[in-house]
Amino acid sequence: MKKTGRIKGYLCLSGIFAAALTAAGCGKKSPLDPGNPVSLTVWHYYNGSQQVAFDALVEEFNDTVGREKGIFVQGYSQGSVSDLETAVRDSIEGKVGAEAMPDIFSSYADTAYEVEQAGALANLSDYLDKEELEQYVDSYIEEGRIGGDGSLRIFPTAKSTEIMMINKTDWEPFAAETGVSLDDLKTIEGVVSVAQAYYEWTDNQTPDIPGDGKAFYGRDAVANYFIIGMQQLGAEIFHVENGQLTLNVPREELRRLWDNYYVPMVKGYFGAYGSFRSDDVKTGDLLAYTGSTSSAMYFPNQVELDDRSYDIEYIVTMAPMFEGGRPYAVQQGAGMVVSKSDEKHEFAAVEFLKWFTEADNNLQFGCVSGYLPVLKEANTKDRLDQVIADSQLNVAPKTYDCLTTIFEEMDNLTLYTNKSFANGSAARKVLEYNLADKAAKDRAQVAAALKEGKTLEEAANAYVTDEAFDMWYDSFCDALNQAAGK
């Protein structure tokens, strides 16, 4: 988002002043005193344009609602998500040199669950009434109910899901010559079929060099592939009730995940080379990928090869789903949690978070970050267009297209994230790396065999048998059980 001057246009002063006189939810009387303002610190992981947008909203709050109610907010980026989590853990453990706990910090559910187990999070249900909670997307609120009694501990502030982005410039000649279409990319099985066609098409362009076909597709966040793929196929891999985990690892469903990720990876139809798949599109190693809506800004404008570069256009579509599967899509993105302290600070923190998630404010942040707003009323193209017009925002087309693509399908999707549980981070890492690392290692062996003159079938055959799947399945279940503490 580029804009002249400070972010504006999302509030009228009379509305602010009226809101400033309104107490928080649950009938609580405001403990705030405008003549003696309370100061709040916020730790987050926003950087670049996201941090600029967040800082601008904080400044606007301080100059308006914050001034009227007696709240002053200061935001501090801690760097990466990992850096933020480390800083929070150091504060909780009282390590030498650690800063005091902030009043508010960004947190994913697994980290928030750890902090909650340490008794360090405020109960947000004390400050929000039923009517206020009902304004938020139901699944976002449900994700934040990690208190032992089901109370709210994570305030939803910005969410994301997954989309597919395609290099349109290089897709079009391939599609024209082979007859594939965008409709083929609606299912995961269809993507595999198209990826095979692309590998063979590129291989045939250099008949003197057999086996040098190129990968078509890749995906970020392989853990999401497992979690959402299993949901689509009717199985919840991490089933949590009352904080207790049951692992569901049905062989038949996992075989479908294997066949539609590992097998095309080993054969070179899929690929993963750089840190993110958008990097692989930039280097020309992939044509398409599935990633977060918040990754849209990183989709390249050019392909940069060793000897030349050229401009590309893009296509945004919904992320592919398993054929015949249920319409589940991932729900992800950190929320904000409030450190347990005193009523005045907790009350003030919730007031800021409620303001930040008001439809217009939240959408302005989403225009920069690619994150989805959290209020039900804000998740529409019409509301987004209104905010853009009223605030005179210049929104990156890729970000706009990602948001509107999701808005148009929201009613047809079930957004899902698994509930938090002990050792959740470790278990998710098994989903993220176990099969992906094996695929990368085995693909390297296949590629070496191709250079020795073997056909793709000869080179890959030993890796894609029933026996190979059975061996992986057993090792995968063992790793998952160990990580989950089973």
Protein backbone atom coordinates (compact mmCIF):
# COMPACT_ATOMS: atom_id res chain seq x y z
CA MET A 1 0.00 0.00 0.00
CA LYS A 2 1.30 3.42 -0.95
CA LYS A 3 -0.42 6.44 0.37
CA THR A 4 0.25 10.15 0.72
CA GLY A 5 0.13 11.26 4.33
CA ARG A 6 -1.02 9.23 7.30
CA ILE A 7 -3.63 6.52 7.10
CA LYS A 8 -7.02 8.17 7.28
CA GLY A 9 -10.59 7.87 6.21
CA TYR A 10 -11.71 5.10 8.50
CA LEU A 11 -13.40 7.09 11.18
CA CYS A 12 -15.42 10.21 11.76
CA LEU A 13 -14.59 12.25 14.82
CA SER A 14 -18.07 12.28 16.25
CA GLY A 15 -18.06 8.48 16.10
CA ILE A 16 -14.73 8.37 17.88
CA PHE A 17 -15.82 10.61 20.68
CA ALA A 18 -19.01 8.60 21.16
CA ALA A 19 -17.06 5.36 21.20
CA ALA A 20 -14.62 6.84 23.68
CA LEU A 21 -17.38 7.12 26.23
CA THR A 22 -18.44 3.50 25.84
CA ALA A 23 -17.20 0.95 28.36
CA ALA A 24 -15.81 -2.42 27.31
CA GLY A 25 -17.91 -5.60 27.16
CA CYS A 26 -19.50 -7.55 29.99
CA GLY A 27 -20.84 -4.38 31.59
CA LYS A 28 -17.49 -3.44 33.14
CA LYS A 29 -16.99 0.16 34.18
CA SER A 30 -13.93 1.66 32.53
CA PRO A 31 -10.97 1.92 34.93
CA LEU A 32 -9.24 4.36 32.57
CA ASP A 33 -8.51 7.99 33.35
CA PRO A 34 -7.73 10.26 30.37
CA GLY A 35 -5.89 12.56 32.75
CA ASN A 36 -3.59 9.71 33.80
CA PRO A 37 -3.09 7.62 30.63
CA VAL A 38 -1.90 4.04 30.72
CA SER A 39 1.01 3.08 28.47
CA LEU A 40 0.98 -0.23 26.57
CA THR A 41 3.80 -2.00 24.78
CA VAL A 42 3.09 -4.28 21.82
CA TRP A 43 5.59 -6.82 20.50
CA HIS A 44 5.05 -8.09 16.98
CA TYR A 45 6.97 -9.59 14.07
CA TYR A 46 5.87 -7.16 11.34
CA ASN A 47 8.60 -5.79 9.11
CA GLY A 48 8.79 -3.56 6.05
CA SER A 49 5.49 -2.28 4.73
CA GLN A 50 3.53 -4.31 7.29
CA GLN A 51 5.34 -2.56 10.13
CA VAL A 52 4.80 0.84 8.50
CA ALA A 53 1.07 0.14 8.23
CA PHE A 54 0.84 -1.12 11.82
CA ASP A 55 2.78 1.87 13.16
CA ALA A 56 0.50 4.27 11.26
CA LEU A 57 -2.59 2.68 12.78
CA VAL A 58 -1.04 2.84 16.25
CA GLU A 59 -0.30 6.52 15.73
CA GLU A 60 -3.87 7.14 14.59
CA PHE A 61 -5.21 5.34 17.64
CA ASN A 62 -3.00 7.34 19.99
CA ASP A 63 -4.12 10.62 18.43
CA THR A 64 -7.83 9.81 18.59
CA VAL A 65 -9.43 7.06 20.65
CA GLY A 66 -6.32 6.56 22.77
CA ARG A 67 -6.18 10.25 23.68
CA GLU A 68 -9.87 10.34 24.57
CA LYS A 69 -9.74 7.19 26.73
CA GLY A 70 -6.29 7.58 28.23
CA ILE A 71 -4.34 4.87 26.37
CA PHE A 72 -0.94 5.25 24.73
CA VAL A 73 0.38 2.37 22.61
CA GLN A 74 3.95 1.73 21.50
CA GLY A 75 4.73 -1.03 19.02
CA TYR A 76 8.07 -2.83 18.71
CA SER A 77 9.07 -5.32 16.03
CA GLN A 78 11.06 -8.22 17.44
CA GLY A 79 12.23 -9.33 13.99
CA SER A 80 11.00 -12.73 12.91
CA VAL A 81 8.31 -14.93 14.43
CA SER A 82 11.06 -17.08 15.94
CA ASP A 83 12.78 -14.02 17.43
CA LEU A 84 9.51 -12.90 18.98
CA GLU A 85 8.81 -16.32 20.48
CA THR A 86 12.31 -16.43 21.95
CA ALA A 87 11.94 -12.96 23.46
CA VAL A 88 8.62 -13.94 25.06
CA ARG A 89 10.02 -17.18 26.51
CA ASP A 90 13.06 -15.34 27.87
CA SER A 91 10.78 -12.82 29.57
CA ILE A 92 8.59 -15.50 31.13
CA GLU A 93 11.63 -17.42 32.39
CA GLY A 94 13.24 -14.25 33.73
CA LYS A 95 16.51 -14.80 31.89
CA VAL A 96 19.32 -12.34 32.50
CA GLY A 97 19.03 -9.43 30.09
CA ALA A 98 15.49 -10.29 29.06
CA GLU A 99 13.03 -7.43 28.72
CA ALA A 100 9.89 -7.28 30.82
CA MET A 101 6.84 -8.95 29.34
CA PRO A 102 4.97 -6.65 26.95
CA ASP A 103 1.32 -5.82 27.57
CA ILE A 104 0.35 -7.31 24.18
CA PHE A 105 2.23 -9.56 21.79
CA SER A 106 1.59 -11.39 18.54
CA SER A 107 1.33 -15.11 19.01
CA TYR A 108 0.44 -18.26 17.13
CA ALA A 109 -1.76 -20.71 18.97
CA ASP A 110 0.97 -23.18 19.90
CA THR A 111 3.11 -20.51 21.54
CA ALA A 112 0.10 -18.92 23.23
CA TYR A 113 -0.81 -22.33 24.64
CA GLU A 114 2.65 -22.61 26.23
CA VAL A 115 2.35 -19.13 27.74
CA GLU A 116 -1.16 -19.90 28.97
CA GLN A 117 0.11 -23.06 30.67
CA ALA A 118 2.57 -20.82 32.51
CA GLY A 119 -0.38 -18.74 33.76
CA ALA A 120 0.83 -15.58 32.02
CA LEU A 121 -2.14 -14.66 29.81
CA ALA A 122 -5.13 -12.47 30.62
CA ASN A 123 -8.63 -13.88 30.30
CA LEU A 124 -10.09 -11.83 27.45
CA SER A 125 -13.57 -13.19 28.09
CA ASP A 126 -13.69 -10.84 31.06
CA TYR A 127 -13.64 -7.86 28.71
CA LEU A 128 -15.80 -8.92 25.75
CA ASP A 129 -19.51 -9.68 25.87
CA LYS A 130 -21.43 -12.17 23.75
CA GLU A 131 -22.61 -9.57 21.25
CA GLU A 132 -19.08 -8.34 20.65
CA LEU A 133 -17.72 -11.87 20.17
CA GLU A 134 -20.45 -12.71 17.69
CA GLN A 135 -19.19 -9.98 15.36
CA TYR A 136 -16.00 -11.94 14.73
CA VAL A 137 -15.64 -14.93 12.39
CA ASP A 138 -16.67 -17.87 14.56
CA SER A 139 -13.67 -20.08 13.81
CA TYR A 140 -11.27 -17.25 14.67
CA ILE A 141 -12.81 -16.90 18.12
CA GLU A 142 -12.87 -20.66 18.62
CA GLU A 143 -9.15 -20.86 17.88
CA GLY A 144 -8.48 -18.39 20.68
CA ARG A 145 -10.37 -20.33 23.35
CA ILE A 146 -7.33 -22.04 24.82
CA GLY A 147 -8.12 -21.40 28.47
CA GLY A 148 -8.71 -24.52 30.51
CA ASP A 149 -12.32 -23.44 30.96
CA GLY A 150 -12.75 -22.56 27.29
CA SER A 151 -12.27 -18.85 27.87
CA LEU A 152 -10.71 -16.60 25.25
CA ARG A 153 -6.98 -16.02 25.44
CA ILE A 154 -6.06 -15.13 21.83
CA PHE A 155 -7.64 -12.05 20.27
CA PRO A 156 -7.99 -12.53 16.50
CA THR A 157 -6.40 -9.59 14.73
CA ALA A 158 -5.47 -10.76 11.21
CA LYS A 159 -5.81 -14.13 9.51
CA SER A 160 -4.79 -15.74 6.27
CA THR A 161 -5.55 -18.79 4.22
CA GLU A 162 -3.99 -20.31 1.11
CA ILE A 163 -4.29 -19.49 -2.58
CA MET A 164 -2.58 -20.65 -5.75
CA MET A 165 -0.51 -18.20 -7.78
CA ILE A 166 0.58 -18.93 -11.34
CA ASN A 167 3.08 -17.41 -13.74
CA LYS A 168 0.54 -16.48 -16.41
CA THR A 169 3.13 -15.48 -18.99
CA ASP A 170 4.70 -18.94 -19.15
CA TRP A 171 1.47 -20.81 -18.43
CA GLU A 172 -0.27 -19.59 -21.58
CA PRO A 173 2.01 -21.13 -24.24
CA PHE A 174 2.17 -24.39 -22.29
CA ALA A 175 -1.61 -24.50 -21.96
CA ALA A 176 -2.14 -23.62 -25.61
CA GLU A 177 0.13 -26.42 -26.84
CA THR A 178 -1.00 -29.16 -24.45
CA GLY A 179 -4.69 -28.35 -23.97
CA VAL A 180 -4.57 -28.08 -20.19
CA SER A 181 -6.74 -25.45 -18.51
CA LEU A 182 -7.10 -23.61 -15.23
CA ASP A 183 -10.04 -25.88 -14.43
CA ASP A 184 -7.56 -28.76 -14.27
CA LEU A 185 -5.87 -27.01 -11.34
CA LYS A 186 -8.94 -27.02 -9.08
CA THR A 187 -8.06 -30.44 -7.65
CA ILE A 188 -4.78 -31.69 -6.25
CA GLU A 189 -4.98 -34.70 -8.53
CA GLY A 190 -5.45 -32.33 -11.45
CA VAL A 191 -2.36 -30.38 -10.46
CA VAL A 192 -0.34 -33.60 -10.45
CA SER A 193 -1.60 -34.44 -13.94
CA VAL A 194 -0.81 -30.95 -15.25
CA ALA A 195 2.61 -31.05 -13.60
CA GLN A 196 3.42 -34.32 -15.35
CA ALA A 197 2.32 -32.81 -18.66
CA TYR A 198 4.55 -29.78 -18.03
CA TYR A 199 7.54 -31.96 -17.14
CA GLU A 200 7.11 -33.96 -20.34
CA TRP A 201 6.48 -30.81 -22.44
CA THR A 202 9.66 -29.11 -21.20
CA ASP A 203 11.63 -32.35 -21.53
CA ASN A 204 10.58 -32.69 -25.15
CA GLN A 205 11.87 -29.21 -25.95
CA THR A 206 15.43 -30.55 -25.59
CA PRO A 207 15.29 -33.98 -27.23
CA ASP A 208 19.07 -34.27 -27.14
CA ILE A 209 19.00 -34.05 -23.32
CA PRO A 210 16.60 -36.69 -21.99
CA GLY A 211 15.23 -36.41 -18.45
CA ASP A 212 15.64 -32.66 -18.09
CA GLY A 213 11.96 -31.80 -17.68
CA LYS A 214 11.06 -28.98 -15.30
CA ALA A 215 8.87 -28.94 -12.24
CA PHE A 216 5.55 -27.15 -12.52
CA TYR A 217 4.33 -26.75 -8.95
CA GLY A 218 5.42 -26.47 -5.35
CA ARG A 219 3.89 -25.56 -2.05
CA ASP A 220 4.83 -23.68 1.06
CA ALA A 221 3.87 -25.09 4.47
CA VAL A 222 3.77 -28.84 3.88
CA ALA A 223 2.22 -29.18 7.35
CA ASN A 224 -0.87 -27.44 5.98
CA TYR A 225 -1.00 -30.00 3.19
CA PHE A 226 -1.24 -32.75 5.82
CA ILE A 227 -3.64 -31.00 8.18
CA ILE A 228 -6.05 -29.64 5.57
CA GLY A 229 -5.64 -32.54 3.18
CA MET A 230 -6.70 -34.96 5.90
CA GLN A 231 -9.65 -32.71 6.77
CA GLN A 232 -10.74 -32.71 3.16
CA LEU A 233 -10.53 -36.51 3.16
CA GLY A 234 -12.58 -36.80 6.33
CA ALA A 235 -9.94 -37.33 9.02
CA GLU A 236 -8.68 -34.89 11.66
CA ILE A 237 -5.03 -35.75 12.11
CA PHE A 238 -4.77 -33.81 15.42
CA HIS A 239 -8.02 -34.37 17.30
CA VAL A 240 -8.00 -32.49 20.59
CA GLU A 241 -10.57 -32.62 23.37
CA ASN A 242 -10.00 -30.98 26.75
CA GLY A 243 -6.36 -30.48 25.83
CA GLN A 244 -5.86 -34.21 25.17
CA LEU A 245 -4.57 -35.26 21.75
CA THR A 246 -5.68 -38.22 19.69
CA LEU A 247 -3.62 -38.86 16.57
CA ASN A 248 -5.56 -40.00 13.52
CA VAL A 249 -3.25 -41.46 10.87
CA PRO A 250 -5.43 -43.68 8.63
CA ARG A 251 -3.29 -45.49 6.06
CA GLU A 252 -5.60 -45.00 3.07
CA GLU A 253 -5.86 -41.23 3.46
CA LEU A 254 -2.14 -40.84 4.05
CA ARG A 255 -1.48 -42.88 0.92
CA ARG A 256 -3.42 -40.26 -1.06
CA LEU A 257 -1.26 -37.53 0.45
CA TRP A 258 1.87 -39.54 -0.40
CA ASP A 259 0.75 -40.18 -3.99
CA ASN A 260 -0.05 -36.52 -4.59
CA TYR A 261 3.00 -34.94 -2.98
CA TYR A 262 5.91 -37.32 -2.51
CA VAL A 263 5.54 -39.19 -5.80
CA PRO A 264 5.42 -36.07 -8.03
CA MET A 265 8.27 -34.57 -5.99
CA VAL A 266 10.47 -37.62 -6.57
CA LYS A 267 9.62 -37.67 -10.26
CA GLY A 268 10.42 -33.98 -10.67
CA TYR A 269 6.90 -32.85 -11.45
CA PHE A 270 6.85 -30.82 -8.22
CA GLY A 271 9.78 -28.93 -6.76
CA ALA A 272 11.16 -27.00 -3.79
CA TYR A 273 14.46 -25.19 -4.20
CA GLY A 274 14.64 -21.81 -2.50
CA SER A 275 13.45 -20.71 0.92
CA PHE A 276 9.92 -20.13 -0.42
CA ARG A 277 8.14 -21.24 -3.55
CA SER A 278 7.76 -17.64 -4.73
CA ASP A 279 11.58 -17.65 -4.91
CA ASP A 280 11.36 -20.68 -7.21
CA VAL A 281 8.92 -18.88 -9.51
CA LYS A 282 11.36 -15.97 -9.67
CA THR A 283 14.22 -18.23 -10.77
CA GLY A 284 12.01 -19.95 -13.34
CA ASP A 285 12.15 -23.30 -11.54
CA LEU A 286 8.38 -23.41 -10.95
CA LEU A 287 5.32 -22.08 -12.72
CA ALA A 288 2.86 -22.22 -9.82
CA TYR A 289 2.66 -22.66 -6.08
CA THR A 290 0.27 -22.82 -3.16
CA GLY A 291 1.04 -20.39 -0.38
CA SER A 292 -0.46 -17.95 2.09
CA THR A 293 -2.52 -14.99 0.98
CA SER A 294 0.07 -12.91 2.82
CA SER A 295 2.75 -14.19 0.40
CA ALA A 296 1.11 -12.45 -2.57
CA MET A 297 3.37 -9.42 -2.28
CA TYR A 298 6.38 -11.69 -2.82
CA PHE A 299 5.17 -13.19 -6.09
CA PRO A 300 7.78 -11.92 -8.56
CA ASN A 301 7.23 -9.44 -11.35
CA GLN A 302 10.08 -11.00 -13.31
CA VAL A 303 11.68 -14.35 -13.95
CA GLU A 304 15.44 -14.02 -13.56
CA LEU A 305 17.50 -16.62 -15.38
CA ASP A 306 21.30 -16.88 -15.52
CA ASP A 307 21.50 -15.18 -18.90
CA ARG A 308 18.37 -13.03 -19.04
CA SER A 309 15.25 -11.83 -17.26
CA TYR A 310 11.74 -11.09 -18.44
CA ASP A 311 8.52 -9.65 -17.04
CA ILE A 312 5.67 -11.94 -16.08
CA GLU A 313 2.00 -11.54 -15.24
CA TYR A 314 0.15 -13.61 -12.68
CA ILE A 315 -3.06 -15.52 -12.04
CA VAL A 316 -4.64 -15.99 -8.61
CA THR A 317 -6.92 -18.96 -8.00
CA MET A 318 -8.21 -20.86 -5.01
CA ALA A 319 -5.84 -23.47 -3.59
CA PRO A 320 -6.55 -26.91 -5.10
CA MET A 321 -8.48 -29.46 -3.04
CA PHE A 322 -8.61 -33.23 -3.11
CA GLU A 323 -11.04 -34.59 -5.64
CA GLY A 324 -14.31 -35.43 -3.92
CA GLY A 325 -13.04 -33.91 -0.66
CA ARG A 326 -14.80 -31.62 1.76
CA PRO A 327 -14.29 -27.85 1.18
CA TYR A 328 -11.80 -27.19 3.98
CA ALA A 329 -9.16 -24.48 3.80
CA VAL A 330 -6.44 -23.60 6.26
CA GLN A 331 -6.96 -20.87 8.84
CA GLN A 332 -3.67 -19.38 9.92
CA GLY A 333 -2.05 -16.23 11.15
CA ALA A 334 -1.04 -15.01 14.57
CA GLY A 335 -3.44 -13.25 16.88
CA MET A 336 -2.63 -10.97 19.79
CA VAL A 337 -2.53 -12.04 23.40
CA VAL A 338 -2.61 -9.85 26.50
CA SER A 339 -0.23 -10.45 29.36
CA LYS A 340 -1.83 -11.02 32.74
CA SER A 341 -1.30 -7.87 34.81
CA ASP A 342 -3.94 -5.57 36.34
CA GLU A 343 -7.43 -4.58 35.28
CA LYS A 344 -6.39 -1.18 33.98
CA HIS A 345 -3.72 -2.51 31.61
CA GLU A 346 -5.78 -5.50 30.49
CA PHE A 347 -8.84 -3.33 29.88
CA ALA A 348 -6.79 -0.82 27.88
CA ALA A 349 -5.18 -3.60 25.82
CA VAL A 350 -8.57 -5.00 24.83
CA GLU A 351 -9.80 -1.50 23.91
CA PHE A 352 -6.88 -1.11 21.52
CA LEU A 353 -7.38 -4.56 19.98
CA LYS A 354 -11.10 -3.92 19.48
CA TRP A 355 -10.26 -0.68 17.68
CA PHE A 356 -7.54 -2.31 15.56
CA THR A 357 -10.00 -4.98 14.39
CA GLU A 358 -12.79 -2.59 13.46
CA ALA A 359 -13.67 -3.31 9.84
CA ASP A 360 -12.12 -0.25 8.19
CA ASN A 361 -8.93 -0.31 10.26
CA ASN A 362 -8.43 -4.04 9.81
CA LEU A 363 -9.04 -3.87 6.07
CA GLN A 364 -6.47 -1.12 5.69
CA PHE A 365 -3.91 -3.33 7.39
CA GLY A 366 -5.00 -6.21 5.15
CA CYS A 367 -4.46 -4.09 2.05
CA VAL A 368 -0.76 -4.03 2.90
CA SER A 369 -0.24 -7.43 4.49
CA GLY A 370 -2.56 -9.70 2.52
CA TYR A 371 -4.18 -10.76 5.81
CA LEU A 372 -7.91 -11.28 6.04
CA PRO A 373 -9.96 -9.06 8.37
CA VAL A 374 -11.47 -10.77 11.40
CA LEU A 375 -14.95 -9.24 11.61
CA LYS A 376 -17.69 -10.96 9.63
CA GLU A 377 -18.88 -7.69 8.11
CA ALA A 378 -15.42 -6.89 6.76
CA ASN A 379 -14.96 -10.03 4.66
CA THR A 380 -16.59 -8.75 1.49
CA LYS A 381 -15.30 -7.23 -1.73
CA ASP A 382 -17.81 -4.38 -1.44
CA ARG A 383 -16.52 -3.36 1.98
CA LEU A 384 -12.92 -3.61 0.79
CA ASP A 385 -13.67 -1.44 -2.25
CA GLN A 386 -15.40 1.10 -0.01
CA VAL A 387 -12.39 1.34 2.30
CA ILE A 388 -10.01 1.71 -0.63
CA ALA A 389 -12.13 4.51 -2.11
CA ASP A 390 -12.78 6.32 1.18
CA SER A 391 -9.16 6.17 2.28
CA GLN A 392 -7.72 6.74 -1.19
CA LEU A 393 -5.49 3.70 -0.92
CA ASN A 394 -3.24 2.43 -3.70
CA VAL A 395 -3.37 -1.32 -3.16
CA ALA A 396 -0.99 -3.73 -4.86
CA PRO A 397 -3.06 -5.61 -7.46
CA LYS A 398 -1.71 -9.00 -6.35
CA THR A 399 -2.80 -8.38 -2.77
CA TYR A 400 -6.20 -7.09 -3.89
CA ASP A 401 -6.77 -10.11 -6.13
CA CYS A 402 -5.81 -12.52 -3.34
CA LEU A 403 -8.21 -10.91 -0.88
CA THR A 404 -11.13 -10.68 -3.28
CA THR A 405 -10.60 -14.25 -4.49
CA ILE A 406 -11.01 -15.47 -0.91
CA PHE A 407 -13.90 -13.12 -0.13
CA GLU A 408 -15.84 -14.51 -3.08
CA GLU A 409 -15.42 -18.07 -1.79
CA MET A 410 -15.71 -17.52 1.98
CA ASP A 411 -19.27 -18.79 2.15
CA ASN A 412 -18.25 -22.01 0.41
CA LEU A 413 -15.27 -22.75 2.65
CA THR A 414 -14.82 -24.19 6.10
CA LEU A 415 -11.74 -22.57 7.59
CA TYR A 416 -9.87 -24.90 9.92
CA THR A 417 -6.96 -24.94 12.31
CA ASN A 418 -6.34 -27.67 14.84
CA LYS A 419 -6.80 -26.95 18.51
CA SER A 420 -3.70 -26.39 20.63
CA PHE A 421 -2.11 -29.20 22.61
CA ALA A 422 1.08 -29.93 24.51
CA ASN A 423 4.01 -30.52 22.13
CA GLY A 424 1.95 -29.10 19.28
CA SER A 425 4.91 -27.27 17.74
CA ALA A 426 7.02 -30.43 17.70
CA ALA A 427 4.23 -32.47 16.14
CA ARG A 428 3.68 -29.87 13.44
CA LYS A 429 7.39 -29.94 12.59
CA VAL A 430 7.05 -33.64 11.80
CA LEU A 431 4.31 -32.80 9.30
CA GLU A 432 6.41 -29.99 7.86
CA TYR A 433 9.70 -31.79 7.39
CA ASN A 434 9.36 -35.57 7.59
CA LEU A 435 8.01 -36.26 4.10
CA ALA A 436 9.42 -33.12 2.49
CA ASP A 437 12.97 -33.96 3.57
CA LYS A 438 12.58 -37.53 2.36
CA ALA A 439 11.23 -36.32 -0.97
CA ALA A 440 14.18 -33.94 -1.45
CA LYS A 441 16.71 -36.63 -0.59
CA ASP A 442 15.13 -39.24 -2.83
CA ARG A 443 14.68 -36.78 -5.71
CA ALA A 444 18.42 -36.13 -5.62
CA GLN A 445 19.02 -39.87 -6.06
CA VAL A 446 16.58 -40.01 -8.96
CA ALA A 447 18.19 -37.00 -10.62
CA ALA A 448 21.60 -38.65 -10.34
CA ALA A 449 20.24 -41.82 -11.95
CA LEU A 450 18.78 -39.76 -14.81
CA LYS A 451 22.21 -38.29 -15.49
CA GLU A 452 23.57 -41.81 -15.71
CA GLY A 453 21.16 -42.49 -18.57
CA LYS A 454 18.27 -44.20 -16.83
CA THR A 455 14.71 -43.37 -17.82
CA LEU A 456 12.50 -41.58 -15.30
CA GLU A 457 10.53 -44.78 -14.73
CA GLU A 458 13.71 -46.75 -14.06
CA ALA A 459 15.16 -44.07 -11.81
CA ALA A 460 12.03 -43.48 -9.72
CA ASN A 461 10.48 -46.95 -9.58
CA ALA A 462 12.09 -48.12 -6.35
CA TYR A 463 10.89 -45.02 -4.48
CA VAL A 464 7.20 -45.18 -5.36
CA THR A 465 6.27 -48.80 -4.60
CA ASP A 466 3.77 -50.04 -2.03
CA GLU A 467 6.69 -51.27 0.05
CA ALA A 468 8.30 -47.84 -0.03
CA PHE A 469 5.08 -46.26 1.19
CA ASP A 470 4.68 -48.83 3.98
CA MET A 471 8.21 -48.14 5.24
CA TRP A 472 7.61 -44.40 5.25
CA TYR A 473 4.18 -44.74 6.85
CA ASP A 474 5.57 -46.71 9.80
CA SER A 475 8.47 -44.30 10.31
CA PHE A 476 6.17 -41.31 10.00
CA CYS A 477 3.76 -42.63 12.63
CA ASP A 478 6.66 -43.36 14.97
CA ALA A 479 8.06 -39.85 14.54
CA LEU A 480 4.66 -38.25 15.06
CA ASN A 481 3.96 -40.26 18.21
CA GLN A 482 7.36 -39.44 19.62
CA ALA A 483 7.02 -35.72 18.91
CA ALA A 484 3.54 -35.64 20.45
CA GLY A 485 4.74 -37.45 23.55
CA LYS A 486 2.64 -40.53 22.91
